[in-house]
């Protein structure tokens, strides 16, 4: 059973992913994979530096993701170019990790945390789609707490697919506006259903 976990910025995807991990699911974090494939010297790193220039590099030659984000955020052509470099490398890394997990445990429940699952057309990678939802007000407050100003926060919220668009694709929705215990109960119920779809039972 392979499920994709997605949702808008600051909806709490990582929190939900951690809860699934605690229940026994194997989690593949696509943001972490993106970090990995952009490591100095790798093919994706070389292509990004060739296109965007050395001005995006930190002193240790790692990519300054904040600076790179600033360059592509308001420029669809540059963002498309970046995605054309990073996405294939991430998907290849994901294929390797998925194969390794299933070779060791054919009955594993795998949760792929893919923030842009819908936008990137990555639904074919998973059997079920889980959308984490939070109200725009909660998203805004969380982003303000991360150091964004109001204008920056709203731009990032509005740059992603509307919640309703993501939820059209959802097999399960986890509402993450409330207290942690409410979120945990929802995650447990979804996990039980994933096990049921797989043909197993929760431990």
C-alpha atoms as a PDB file:
ATOM      1  CA  UNK A   1       0.000   0.000   0.000  1.00  0.00           C
ATOM      2  CA  UNK A   2       1.524   3.299  -1.133  1.00  0.00           C
ATOM      3  CA  UNK A   3      -0.228   6.526  -0.154  1.00  0.00           C
ATOM      4  CA  UNK A   4       0.646  10.068  -1.142  1.00  0.00           C
ATOM      5  CA  UNK A   5       0.489  12.711   1.588  1.00  0.00           C
ATOM      6  CA  UNK A   6      -0.018  16.264   0.381  1.00  0.00           C
ATOM      7  CA  UNK A   7      -1.547  19.593   1.326  1.00  0.00           C
ATOM      8  CA  UNK A   8      -0.940  23.317   1.183  1.00  0.00           C
ATOM      9  CA  UNK A   9       1.935  25.120   2.832  1.00  0.00           C
ATOM     10  CA  UNK A  10       1.801  25.177   6.647  1.00  0.00           C
ATOM     11  CA  UNK A  11      -1.082  22.708   6.853  1.00  0.00           C
ATOM     12  CA  UNK A  12       0.988  20.356   9.019  1.00  0.00           C
ATOM     13  CA  UNK A  13       2.074  17.684   6.543  1.00  0.00           C
ATOM     14  CA  UNK A  14       5.310  16.906   8.384  1.00  0.00           C
ATOM     15  CA  UNK A  15       3.448  16.547  11.680  1.00  0.00           C
ATOM     16  CA  UNK A  16       1.003  14.111  10.085  1.00  0.00           C
ATOM     17  CA  UNK A  17       3.842  12.217   8.382  1.00  0.00           C
ATOM     18  CA  UNK A  18       5.557  11.791  11.763  1.00  0.00           C
ATOM     19  CA  UNK A  19       2.348  10.373  13.230  1.00  0.00           C
ATOM     20  CA  UNK A  20       2.130   7.824  10.406  1.00  0.00           C
ATOM     21  CA  UNK A  21       5.777   6.927  11.021  1.00  0.00           C
ATOM     22  CA  UNK A  22       5.034   6.362  14.709  1.00  0.00           C
ATOM     23  CA  UNK A  23       2.274   3.935  13.721  1.00  0.00           C
ATOM     24  CA  UNK A  24       4.695   1.879  11.634  1.00  0.00           C
ATOM     25  CA  UNK A  25       4.424   3.355   8.153  1.00  0.00           C
ATOM     26  CA  UNK A  26       7.560   3.941   6.092  1.00  0.00           C
ATOM     27  CA  UNK A  27       7.722   7.621   5.135  1.00  0.00           C
ATOM     28  CA  UNK A  28       9.508   9.001   2.079  1.00  0.00           C
ATOM     29  CA  UNK A  29       9.920  12.780   2.331  1.00  0.00           C
ATOM     30  CA  UNK A  30      10.177  14.316  -1.147  1.00  0.00           C
ATOM     31  CA  UNK A  31      11.518  17.600   0.254  1.00  0.00           C
ATOM     32  CA  UNK A  32      14.376  15.640   1.828  1.00  0.00           C
ATOM     33  CA  UNK A  33      14.961  13.871  -1.496  1.00  0.00           C
ATOM     34  CA  UNK A  34      15.144  17.258  -3.225  1.00  0.00           C
ATOM     35  CA  UNK A  35      17.795  18.344  -0.704  1.00  0.00           C
ATOM     36  CA  UNK A  36      19.725  15.146  -1.398  1.00  0.00           C
ATOM     37  CA  UNK A  37      19.723  15.357  -5.207  1.00  0.00           C
ATOM     38  CA  UNK A  38      20.821  19.014  -5.013  1.00  0.00           C
ATOM     39  CA  UNK A  39      23.964  18.139  -3.036  1.00  0.00           C
ATOM     40  CA  UNK A  40      27.228  19.623  -4.391  1.00  0.00           C
ATOM     41  CA  UNK A  41      28.702  17.728  -7.310  1.00  0.00           C
ATOM     42  CA  UNK A  42      25.592  15.764  -8.234  1.00  0.00           C
ATOM     43  CA  UNK A  43      24.074  16.095 -11.692  1.00  0.00           C
ATOM     44  CA  UNK A  44      21.080  18.178 -10.581  1.00  0.00           C
ATOM     45  CA  UNK A  45      23.376  20.516  -8.613  1.00  0.00           C
ATOM     46  CA  UNK A  46      25.586  21.030 -11.663  1.00  0.00           C
ATOM     47  CA  UNK A  47      22.603  21.799 -13.922  1.00  0.00           C
ATOM     48  CA  UNK A  48      21.091  24.230 -11.405  1.00  0.00           C
ATOM     49  CA  UNK A  49      24.378  26.123 -10.948  1.00  0.00           C
ATOM     50  CA  UNK A  50      24.924  26.211 -14.708  1.00  0.00           C
ATOM     51  CA  UNK A  51      21.494  27.762 -15.249  1.00  0.00           C
ATOM     52  CA  UNK A  52      21.188  30.064 -12.220  1.00  0.00           C
ATOM     53  CA  UNK A  53      24.857  30.920 -11.654  1.00  0.00           C
ATOM     54  CA  UNK A  54      27.185  30.631  -8.686  1.00  0.00           C
ATOM     55  CA  UNK A  55      25.396  33.493  -6.897  1.00  0.00           C
ATOM     56  CA  UNK A  56      22.971  30.941  -5.445  1.00  0.00           C
ATOM     57  CA  UNK A  57      25.747  29.065  -3.623  1.00  0.00           C
ATOM     58  CA  UNK A  58      26.637  29.218   0.052  1.00  0.00           C
ATOM     59  CA  UNK A  59      30.338  29.401   1.011  1.00  0.00           C
ATOM     60  CA  UNK A  60      30.393  25.591   1.340  1.00  0.00           C
ATOM     61  CA  UNK A  61      29.027  25.311  -2.242  1.00  0.00           C
ATOM     62  CA  UNK A  62      25.645  24.009  -1.116  1.00  0.00           C
ATOM     63  CA  UNK A  63      22.685  25.688  -2.790  1.00  0.00           C
ATOM     64  CA  UNK A  64      21.112  28.538  -0.857  1.00  0.00           C
ATOM     65  CA  UNK A  65      17.515  27.368  -1.172  1.00  0.00           C
ATOM     66  CA  UNK A  66      16.128  30.652   0.096  1.00  0.00           C
ATOM     67  CA  UNK A  67      17.986  32.590  -2.603  1.00  0.00           C
ATOM     68  CA  UNK A  68      17.001  30.053  -5.245  1.00  0.00           C
ATOM     69  CA  UNK A  69      13.380  30.300  -4.104  1.00  0.00           C
ATOM     70  CA  UNK A  70      13.517  34.066  -4.389  1.00  0.00           C
ATOM     71  CA  UNK A  71      14.680  33.775  -7.993  1.00  0.00           C
ATOM     72  CA  UNK A  72      11.981  31.361  -9.112  1.00  0.00           C
ATOM     73  CA  UNK A  73       8.995  32.344  -6.983  1.00  0.00           C
ATOM     74  CA  UNK A  74       7.678  35.094  -9.275  1.00  0.00           C
ATOM     75  CA  UNK A  75       9.156  33.716 -12.510  1.00  0.00           C
ATOM     76  CA  UNK A  76       7.173  30.796 -13.978  1.00  0.00           C
ATOM     77  CA  UNK A  77       9.806  30.091 -16.652  1.00  0.00           C
ATOM     78  CA  UNK A  78      12.632  29.809 -14.132  1.00  0.00           C
ATOM     79  CA  UNK A  79      10.465  27.704 -11.816  1.00  0.00           C
ATOM     80  CA  UNK A  80       9.601  25.375 -14.697  1.00  0.00           C
ATOM     81  CA  UNK A  81      13.302  25.035 -15.531  1.00  0.00           C
ATOM     82  CA  UNK A  82      14.173  24.259 -11.913  1.00  0.00           C
ATOM     83  CA  UNK A  83      11.413  21.655 -11.707  1.00  0.00           C
ATOM     84  CA  UNK A  84      12.574  20.059 -14.968  1.00  0.00           C
ATOM     85  CA  UNK A  85      15.979  19.529 -13.343  1.00  0.00           C
ATOM     86  CA  UNK A  86      14.943  18.476  -9.851  1.00  0.00           C
ATOM     87  CA  UNK A  87      11.776  16.428 -10.373  1.00  0.00           C
ATOM     88  CA  UNK A  88      13.285  13.627 -12.522  1.00  0.00           C
ATOM     89  CA  UNK A  89      16.155  13.215 -10.062  1.00  0.00           C
ATOM     90  CA  UNK A  90      13.748  13.095  -7.110  1.00  0.00           C
ATOM     91  CA  UNK A  91      11.469  10.566  -8.816  1.00  0.00           C
ATOM     92  CA  UNK A  92      14.457   8.345  -9.613  1.00  0.00           C
ATOM     93  CA  UNK A  93      15.615   8.482  -5.998  1.00  0.00           C
ATOM     94  CA  UNK A  94      12.071   7.656  -4.869  1.00  0.00           C
ATOM     95  CA  UNK A  95      11.928   4.611  -7.150  1.00  0.00           C
ATOM     96  CA  UNK A  96      15.132   3.257  -5.615  1.00  0.00           C
ATOM     97  CA  UNK A  97      13.980   3.790  -2.028  1.00  0.00           C
ATOM     98  CA  UNK A  98      10.528   2.318  -2.705  1.00  0.00           C
ATOM     99  CA  UNK A  99      12.062  -0.779  -4.279  1.00  0.00           C
ATOM    100  CA  UNK A 100      14.417  -1.211  -1.307  1.00  0.00           C
ATOM    101  CA  UNK A 101      11.559  -0.946   1.211  1.00  0.00           C
ATOM    102  CA  UNK A 102       9.339  -3.415  -0.654  1.00  0.00           C
ATOM    103  CA  UNK A 103      12.211  -5.853  -1.130  1.00  0.00           C
ATOM    104  CA  UNK A 104      12.638  -5.990   2.657  1.00  0.00           C
ATOM    105  CA  UNK A 105       8.926  -5.802   3.519  1.00  0.00           C
ATOM    106  CA  UNK A 106       6.458  -6.516   0.690  1.00  0.00           C
ATOM    107  CA  UNK A 107       3.542  -5.666   3.015  1.00  0.00           C
ATOM    108  CA  UNK A 108       4.875  -2.255   4.047  1.00  0.00           C
ATOM    109  CA  UNK A 109       2.592   0.765   4.181  1.00  0.00           C
ATOM    110  CA  UNK A 110       4.551   3.528   2.470  1.00  0.00           C
ATOM    111  CA  UNK A 111       3.602   7.182   2.897  1.00  0.00           C
ATOM    112  CA  UNK A 112       5.122   9.482   0.272  1.00  0.00           C
ATOM    113  CA  UNK A 113       5.096  13.065   1.557  1.00  0.00           C
ATOM    114  CA  UNK A 114       4.798  15.050  -1.694  1.00  0.00           C
ATOM    115  CA  UNK A 115       3.856  18.727  -1.149  1.00  0.00           C
ATOM    116  CA  UNK A 116       3.122  19.314  -4.855  1.00  0.00           C
ATOM    117  CA  UNK A 117       1.649  15.896  -5.603  1.00  0.00           C
ATOM    118  CA  UNK A 118      -1.347  17.352  -7.447  1.00  0.00           C
ATOM    119  CA  UNK A 119       0.536  20.192  -9.141  1.00  0.00           C
ATOM    120  CA  UNK A 120       3.348  17.887 -10.307  1.00  0.00           C
ATOM    121  CA  UNK A 121       0.942  15.270 -11.651  1.00  0.00           C
ATOM    122  CA  UNK A 122       2.504  12.631  -9.409  1.00  0.00           C
ATOM    123  CA  UNK A 123      -0.710  10.789  -8.566  1.00  0.00           C
ATOM    124  CA  UNK A 124       0.455   7.777 -10.587  1.00  0.00           C
ATOM    125  CA  UNK A 125       3.110   7.103  -7.933  1.00  0.00           C
ATOM    126  CA  UNK A 126       0.562   6.202  -5.248  1.00  0.00           C
ATOM    127  CA  UNK A 127      -2.489   4.013  -4.603  1.00  0.00           C
ATOM    128  CA  UNK A 128      -4.298   6.489  -2.341  1.00  0.00           C
ATOM    129  CA  UNK A 129      -4.053  10.250  -1.754  1.00  0.00           C
ATOM    130  CA  UNK A 130      -4.240  11.823   1.701  1.00  0.00           C
ATOM    131  CA  UNK A 131      -4.755  15.589   1.837  1.00  0.00           C
ATOM    132  CA  UNK A 132      -3.889  17.516   4.997  1.00  0.00           C
ATOM    133  CA  UNK A 133      -6.136  20.565   5.267  1.00  0.00           C
ATOM    134  CA  UNK A 134      -5.942  23.662   7.426  1.00  0.00           C
ATOM    135  CA  UNK A 135      -7.892  26.900   7.091  1.00  0.00           C
ATOM    136  CA  UNK A 136      -6.136  29.842   5.395  1.00  0.00           C
ATOM    137  CA  UNK A 137      -6.225  31.668   8.725  1.00  0.00           C
ATOM    138  CA  UNK A 138      -4.325  28.862  10.442  1.00  0.00           C
ATOM    139  CA  UNK A 139      -1.863  28.606   7.538  1.00  0.00           C
ATOM    140  CA  UNK A 140      -1.220  32.338   7.784  1.00  0.00           C
ATOM    141  CA  UNK A 141      -0.615  32.249  11.533  1.00  0.00           C
ATOM    142  CA  UNK A 142       1.802  29.332  11.165  1.00  0.00           C
ATOM    143  CA  UNK A 143       3.775  31.106   8.437  1.00  0.00           C
ATOM    144  CA  UNK A 144       3.938  34.297  10.480  1.00  0.00           C
ATOM    145  CA  UNK A 145       5.343  32.156  13.271  1.00  0.00           C
ATOM    146  CA  UNK A 146       8.060  30.951  10.882  1.00  0.00           C
ATOM    147  CA  UNK A 147       9.286  34.484  10.294  1.00  0.00           C
ATOM    148  CA  UNK A 148       7.413  35.414   7.116  1.00  0.00           C
ATOM    149  CA  UNK A 149       5.743  38.793   6.960  1.00  0.00           C
ATOM    150  CA  UNK A 150       2.050  38.904   6.074  1.00  0.00           C
ATOM    151  CA  UNK A 151       2.614  39.736   2.389  1.00  0.00           C
ATOM    152  CA  UNK A 152       5.166  36.950   1.917  1.00  0.00           C
ATOM    153  CA  UNK A 153       2.942  34.453   3.720  1.00  0.00           C
ATOM    154  CA  UNK A 154      -0.133  35.257   1.637  1.00  0.00           C
ATOM    155  CA  UNK A 155       1.860  35.050  -1.598  1.00  0.00           C
ATOM    156  CA  UNK A 156       3.031  31.559  -0.715  1.00  0.00           C
ATOM    157  CA  UNK A 157      -0.437  30.405   0.292  1.00  0.00           C
ATOM    158  CA  UNK A 158      -1.982  31.797  -2.901  1.00  0.00           C
ATOM    159  CA  UNK A 159       0.770  30.415  -5.148  1.00  0.00           C
ATOM    160  CA  UNK A 160      -0.346  26.840  -4.523  1.00  0.00           C
ATOM    161  CA  UNK A 161      -3.362  25.022  -5.855  1.00  0.00           C
ATOM    162  CA  UNK A 162      -6.515  26.001  -3.935  1.00  0.00           C
ATOM    163  CA  UNK A 163      -7.493  23.569  -1.140  1.00  0.00           C
ATOM    164  CA  UNK A 164     -10.621  22.576  -3.015  1.00  0.00           C
ATOM    165  CA  UNK A 165      -8.555  21.500  -6.018  1.00  0.00           C
ATOM    166  CA  UNK A 166      -6.343  19.262  -3.887  1.00  0.00           C
ATOM    167  CA  UNK A 167      -9.333  17.817  -2.048  1.00  0.00           C
ATOM    168  CA  UNK A 168     -10.925  16.741  -5.342  1.00  0.00           C
ATOM    169  CA  UNK A 169      -8.143  14.179  -5.588  1.00  0.00           C
ATOM    170  CA  UNK A 170      -8.315  13.039  -1.963  1.00  0.00           C
ATOM    171  CA  UNK A 171      -9.196   9.528  -0.853  1.00  0.00           C
ATOM    172  CA  UNK A 172      -8.774  10.772   2.726  1.00  0.00           C
ATOM    173  CA  UNK A 173      -8.745  14.278   4.245  1.00  0.00           C
ATOM    174  CA  UNK A 174      -7.101  15.033   7.585  1.00  0.00           C
ATOM    175  CA  UNK A 175      -8.279  18.299   9.115  1.00  0.00           C
ATOM    176  CA  UNK A 176      -5.412  19.847  11.027  1.00  0.00           C
ATOM    177  CA  UNK A 177      -6.896  23.037  12.501  1.00  0.00           C
ATOM    178  CA  UNK A 178      -7.602  21.530  15.901  1.00  0.00           C
ATOM    179  CA  UNK A 179      -5.625  20.104  18.789  1.00  0.00           C
ATOM    180  CA  UNK A 180      -2.882  17.480  18.286  1.00  0.00           C
ATOM    181  CA  UNK A 181      -5.049  14.728  19.759  1.00  0.00           C
ATOM    182  CA  UNK A 182      -7.779  15.325  17.156  1.00  0.00           C
ATOM    183  CA  UNK A 183      -5.183  15.086  14.391  1.00  0.00           C
ATOM    184  CA  UNK A 184      -3.712  11.906  15.882  1.00  0.00           C
ATOM    185  CA  UNK A 185      -7.144  10.233  15.983  1.00  0.00           C
ATOM    186  CA  UNK A 186      -7.717  11.047  12.302  1.00  0.00           C
ATOM    187  CA  UNK A 187      -4.298   9.706  11.340  1.00  0.00           C
ATOM    188  CA  UNK A 188      -4.946   6.483  13.241  1.00  0.00           C
ATOM    189  CA  UNK A 189      -8.268   5.999  11.453  1.00  0.00           C
ATOM    190  CA  UNK A 190      -6.705   6.613   8.028  1.00  0.00           C
ATOM    191  CA  UNK A 191      -3.866   4.211   8.849  1.00  0.00           C
ATOM    192  CA  UNK A 192      -6.372   1.540   9.842  1.00  0.00           C
ATOM    193  CA  UNK A 193      -8.152   2.005   6.528  1.00  0.00           C
ATOM    194  CA  UNK A 194      -4.879   1.795   4.608  1.00  0.00           C
ATOM    195  CA  UNK A 195      -4.112  -1.482   6.380  1.00  0.00           C
ATOM    196  CA  UNK A 196      -7.601  -2.704   5.576  1.00  0.00           C
ATOM    197  CA  UNK A 197      -7.156  -1.834   1.889  1.00  0.00           C
ATOM    198  CA  UNK A 198      -3.855  -3.706   1.991  1.00  0.00           C
ATOM    199  CA  UNK A 199      -5.516  -6.652   3.620  1.00  0.00           C
ATOM    200  CA  UNK A 200      -3.940  -6.377   7.049  1.00  0.00           C
ATOM    201  CA  UNK A 201      -4.943  -5.240  10.490  1.00  0.00           C
ATOM    202  CA  UNK A 202      -3.392  -2.619  12.758  1.00  0.00           C
ATOM    203  CA  UNK A 203      -1.002  -3.971  15.352  1.00  0.00           C
END
